[in-house]
Every structure is written in C-alpha cells, then in structure tokens.
Amino acid sequence: DHVTCDPSNSDGCTHCAPLTSSVCCDIHNPDTLLHNNIALPSKITHRSRTVKYEMGPCKFELRDALEEWRELITKRVYGDLTLNDYGPAVTMPDSVLDRIIDCAHHHKISTTDDLCKETKWSAVDCFGSDVIAIIQCITPVPVLQPVFTTVTHP
C-alpha cells in the first residue's frame, strides 16, 4: 500500500501512489464535453458527375500532352531510374489522368481549386498550374456570345 511507504504524508508515498486523472469522463459530467474545443470536419466537397462520351481528336491530343508532361516531370523530379522502374504514374496516377480528361471534356476544370476538387490529386499544389495551362491550351473553354433580341413596339 502506498500509505505505508510514507507515513509522514497523509496521501502516502508520492512515488508509488496511484495517479488521479484531472479529466472526468462524460458519463459523470456531460458538460465537460462542451468545454472541449473539438474541431468538426469541414464539409467535404464532392466531385462533379460526368456522363460518358466518345473521345474525339482533341481529347486524344490532351491525353498525349498530359502523358508527355507526366514523363517529363517524373524524369525531372525523380530521375530516369524511377521513370523506367515505376513509370510516370509516380507523378500523376492514371486514374487522375483519366479524371482530368473527363472533366476537361465537360469544362469542369479551369482553376487549381477545380483540379483539386475533381481529382483529389495530392500534387495539385506543386504541378496544378502546369496541368491547367495544358488543359486551357488544348481544350479552351468556349466563349458564349450573348444573344440580343430586339423588341419592336407598334
């Protein structure tokens, strides 16, 4: 017993005494949970839904440009050995490449924030602006011309 170790102290020996917690559980005092500053997760942004489509020459050109860019970046960042051993998917996974092409077809990506939302690609901060530039070069967003109608009064 810890009291017999140190009879001069009413609480007993401080070395072998059981530790008491300063935090009570929520069963005994539910209000203690209200005082904790627990950050709730922020709202998750979901990807856009894209419908199936037939890839045309423009989309094949975009795929070729992005694949060439992936190889170049993989070689520059990780070296020839990594490119040969693991391929360009080290820089950008094939699933992300496919998603970018699908979203570019539907004009869902115009900023790095859009790219992050649509792909959840971990390297958006490093390479997102490069990818946006390639998308905008090959599949620019169509500019809609305003339609004016004139109303004639009799």
Protein backbone atom coordinates (compact mmCIF):
# COMPACT_ATOMS: atom_id res chain seq x y z
CA ASP A 1 0.00 0.00 0.00
CA HIS A 2 1.33 3.48 -0.85
CA VAL A 3 0.37 4.97 2.54
CA THR A 4 2.72 2.66 4.42
CA CYS A 5 5.69 3.83 2.31
CA ASP A 6 5.50 7.41 3.62
CA PRO A 7 3.51 7.71 6.90
CA SER A 8 4.51 11.38 7.28
CA ASN A 9 2.33 12.31 4.26
CA SER A 10 -1.45 11.86 4.61
CA ASP A 11 -1.70 10.94 0.90
CA GLY A 12 1.08 8.38 1.24
CA CYS A 13 4.11 7.93 -0.94
CA THR A 14 4.07 10.24 -3.99
CA HIS A 15 6.19 7.78 -5.97
CA CYS A 16 4.00 4.69 -5.70
CA ALA A 17 0.59 6.35 -5.19
CA PRO A 18 -1.92 5.76 -7.99
CA LEU A 19 -2.29 8.74 -10.28
CA THR A 20 -5.61 10.51 -10.37
CA SER A 21 -6.88 11.99 -13.58
CA SER A 22 -7.82 15.65 -13.67
CA VAL A 23 -10.27 14.97 -16.51
CA CYS A 24 -13.53 13.29 -15.73
CA CYS A 25 -15.38 11.22 -18.28
CA ASP A 26 -18.59 12.41 -19.91
CA ILE A 27 -20.66 9.84 -18.04
CA HIS A 28 -20.11 11.58 -14.71
CA ASN A 29 -20.16 15.13 -16.05
CA PRO A 30 -21.56 15.52 -19.59
CA ASP A 31 -20.93 19.30 -19.53
CA THR A 32 -17.17 18.73 -19.69
CA LEU A 33 -17.50 17.81 -23.35
CA LEU A 34 -18.99 21.22 -24.13
CA HIS A 35 -15.82 22.95 -22.96
CA ASN A 36 -13.51 20.95 -25.23
CA ASN A 37 -12.54 22.71 -28.43
CA ILE A 38 -13.04 19.84 -30.84
CA ALA A 39 -12.86 20.90 -34.46
CA LEU A 40 -15.59 19.31 -36.53
CA PRO A 41 -14.60 18.16 -40.00
CA SER A 42 -15.36 20.69 -42.69
CA LYS A 43 -17.90 19.94 -45.36
CA ILE A 44 -16.49 17.56 -47.93
CA THR A 45 -16.70 18.83 -51.49
CA HIS A 46 -17.77 16.12 -53.85
CA ARG A 47 -16.62 15.61 -57.39
CA SER A 48 -18.84 16.50 -60.31
CA ARG A 49 -20.66 13.76 -62.11
CA THR A 50 -19.61 13.29 -65.68
CA VAL A 51 -21.52 11.40 -68.33
CA LYS A 52 -19.88 9.02 -70.76
CA TYR A 53 -18.80 10.46 -74.07
CA GLU A 54 -16.91 9.46 -77.19
CA MET A 55 -13.32 10.74 -77.12
CA GLY A 56 -12.52 12.85 -80.15
CA PRO A 57 -9.19 14.01 -81.55
CA CYS A 58 -9.00 16.92 -79.10
CA LYS A 59 -9.22 14.59 -76.10
CA PHE A 60 -6.57 12.28 -77.54
CA GLU A 61 -4.35 15.32 -78.03
CA LEU A 62 -4.94 16.30 -74.39
CA ARG A 63 -4.14 12.75 -73.22
CA ASP A 64 -0.91 12.71 -75.26
CA ALA A 65 0.13 16.13 -73.93
CA LEU A 66 -0.55 15.14 -70.30
CA GLU A 67 1.25 11.80 -70.71
CA GLU A 68 4.27 13.58 -72.21
CA TRP A 69 4.19 16.10 -69.36
CA ARG A 70 3.98 13.29 -66.76
CA GLU A 71 7.06 11.61 -68.20
CA LEU A 72 8.99 14.88 -68.30
CA ILE A 73 8.12 15.77 -64.68
CA THR A 74 8.79 12.25 -63.41
CA LYS A 75 12.20 12.27 -65.07
CA ARG A 76 12.99 15.77 -63.76
CA VAL A 77 11.83 15.18 -60.18
CA TYR A 78 12.63 11.51 -59.62
CA GLY A 79 15.15 10.63 -62.35
CA ASP A 80 15.35 8.16 -65.22
CA LEU A 81 15.51 5.09 -62.98
CA THR A 82 12.20 5.88 -61.29
CA LEU A 83 10.58 6.60 -64.65
CA ASN A 84 11.84 3.26 -66.01
CA ASP A 85 11.02 1.25 -62.87
CA TYR A 86 7.69 2.75 -61.83
CA GLY A 87 6.52 4.82 -64.77
CA PRO A 88 5.02 8.29 -64.95
CA ALA A 89 2.16 7.33 -62.63
CA VAL A 90 4.52 8.24 -59.77
CA THR A 91 3.84 11.88 -60.61
CA MET A 92 0.20 11.52 -61.63
CA PRO A 93 -1.76 8.27 -61.30
CA ASP A 94 -3.62 7.00 -64.36
CA SER A 95 -6.94 7.43 -62.56
CA VAL A 96 -6.18 11.14 -62.07
CA LEU A 97 -5.17 11.49 -65.73
CA ASP A 98 -8.45 9.87 -66.83
CA ARG A 99 -10.45 12.09 -64.48
CA ILE A 100 -8.74 15.24 -65.80
CA ILE A 101 -9.59 14.29 -69.39
CA ASP A 102 -13.22 13.55 -68.49
CA CYS A 103 -13.59 16.82 -66.59
CA ALA A 104 -11.83 18.80 -69.32
CA HIS A 105 -14.33 17.44 -71.83
CA HIS A 106 -17.17 18.79 -69.69
CA HIS A 107 -15.28 22.04 -68.88
CA LYS A 108 -15.25 21.30 -65.14
CA ILE A 109 -11.62 22.32 -64.54
CA SER A 110 -10.47 25.91 -65.00
CA THR A 111 -8.53 26.55 -61.76
CA THR A 112 -6.26 24.61 -59.43
CA ASP A 113 -9.11 24.58 -56.90
CA ASP A 114 -11.31 22.86 -59.50
CA LEU A 115 -8.49 20.43 -60.22
CA CYS A 116 -8.16 19.59 -56.54
CA LYS A 117 -11.92 19.18 -56.09
CA GLU A 118 -12.36 16.98 -59.13
CA THR A 119 -9.31 14.74 -58.78
CA LYS A 120 -8.18 14.87 -55.12
CA TRP A 121 -4.66 14.69 -56.61
CA SER A 122 -2.03 15.15 -53.90
CA ALA A 123 0.37 17.08 -56.16
CA VAL A 124 -2.03 19.87 -57.18
CA ASP A 125 -0.06 22.42 -55.16
CA CYS A 126 3.17 21.54 -56.97
CA PHE A 127 2.00 20.89 -60.52
CA GLY A 128 -1.60 22.08 -60.77
CA SER A 129 -0.82 25.28 -62.68
CA ASP A 130 1.10 23.26 -65.31
CA VAL A 131 -1.86 20.96 -65.83
CA ILE A 132 -4.31 23.87 -66.03
CA ALA A 133 -2.12 25.51 -68.68
CA ILE A 134 -2.10 22.31 -70.76
CA ILE A 135 -5.88 21.93 -70.45
CA GLN A 136 -6.51 25.55 -71.44
CA CYS A 137 -4.12 25.31 -74.37
CA ILE A 138 -5.75 22.22 -75.87
CA THR A 139 -9.38 22.46 -74.75
CA PRO A 140 -10.17 26.12 -74.13
CA VAL A 141 -13.49 26.94 -72.56
CA PRO A 142 -15.89 28.03 -75.27
CA VAL A 143 -16.95 31.64 -75.05
CA LEU A 144 -20.67 32.02 -75.40
CA GLN A 145 -21.71 35.01 -77.43
CA PRO A 146 -24.63 36.89 -75.92
CA VAL A 147 -27.79 36.73 -77.91
CA PHE A 148 -29.56 40.05 -78.33
CA THR A 149 -33.14 40.29 -79.32
CA THR A 150 -34.86 43.45 -80.21
CA VAL A 151 -38.40 44.10 -79.36
CA THR A 152 -40.30 46.27 -81.73
CA HIS A 153 -43.21 48.21 -80.43
CA PRO A 154 -46.01 49.04 -82.82
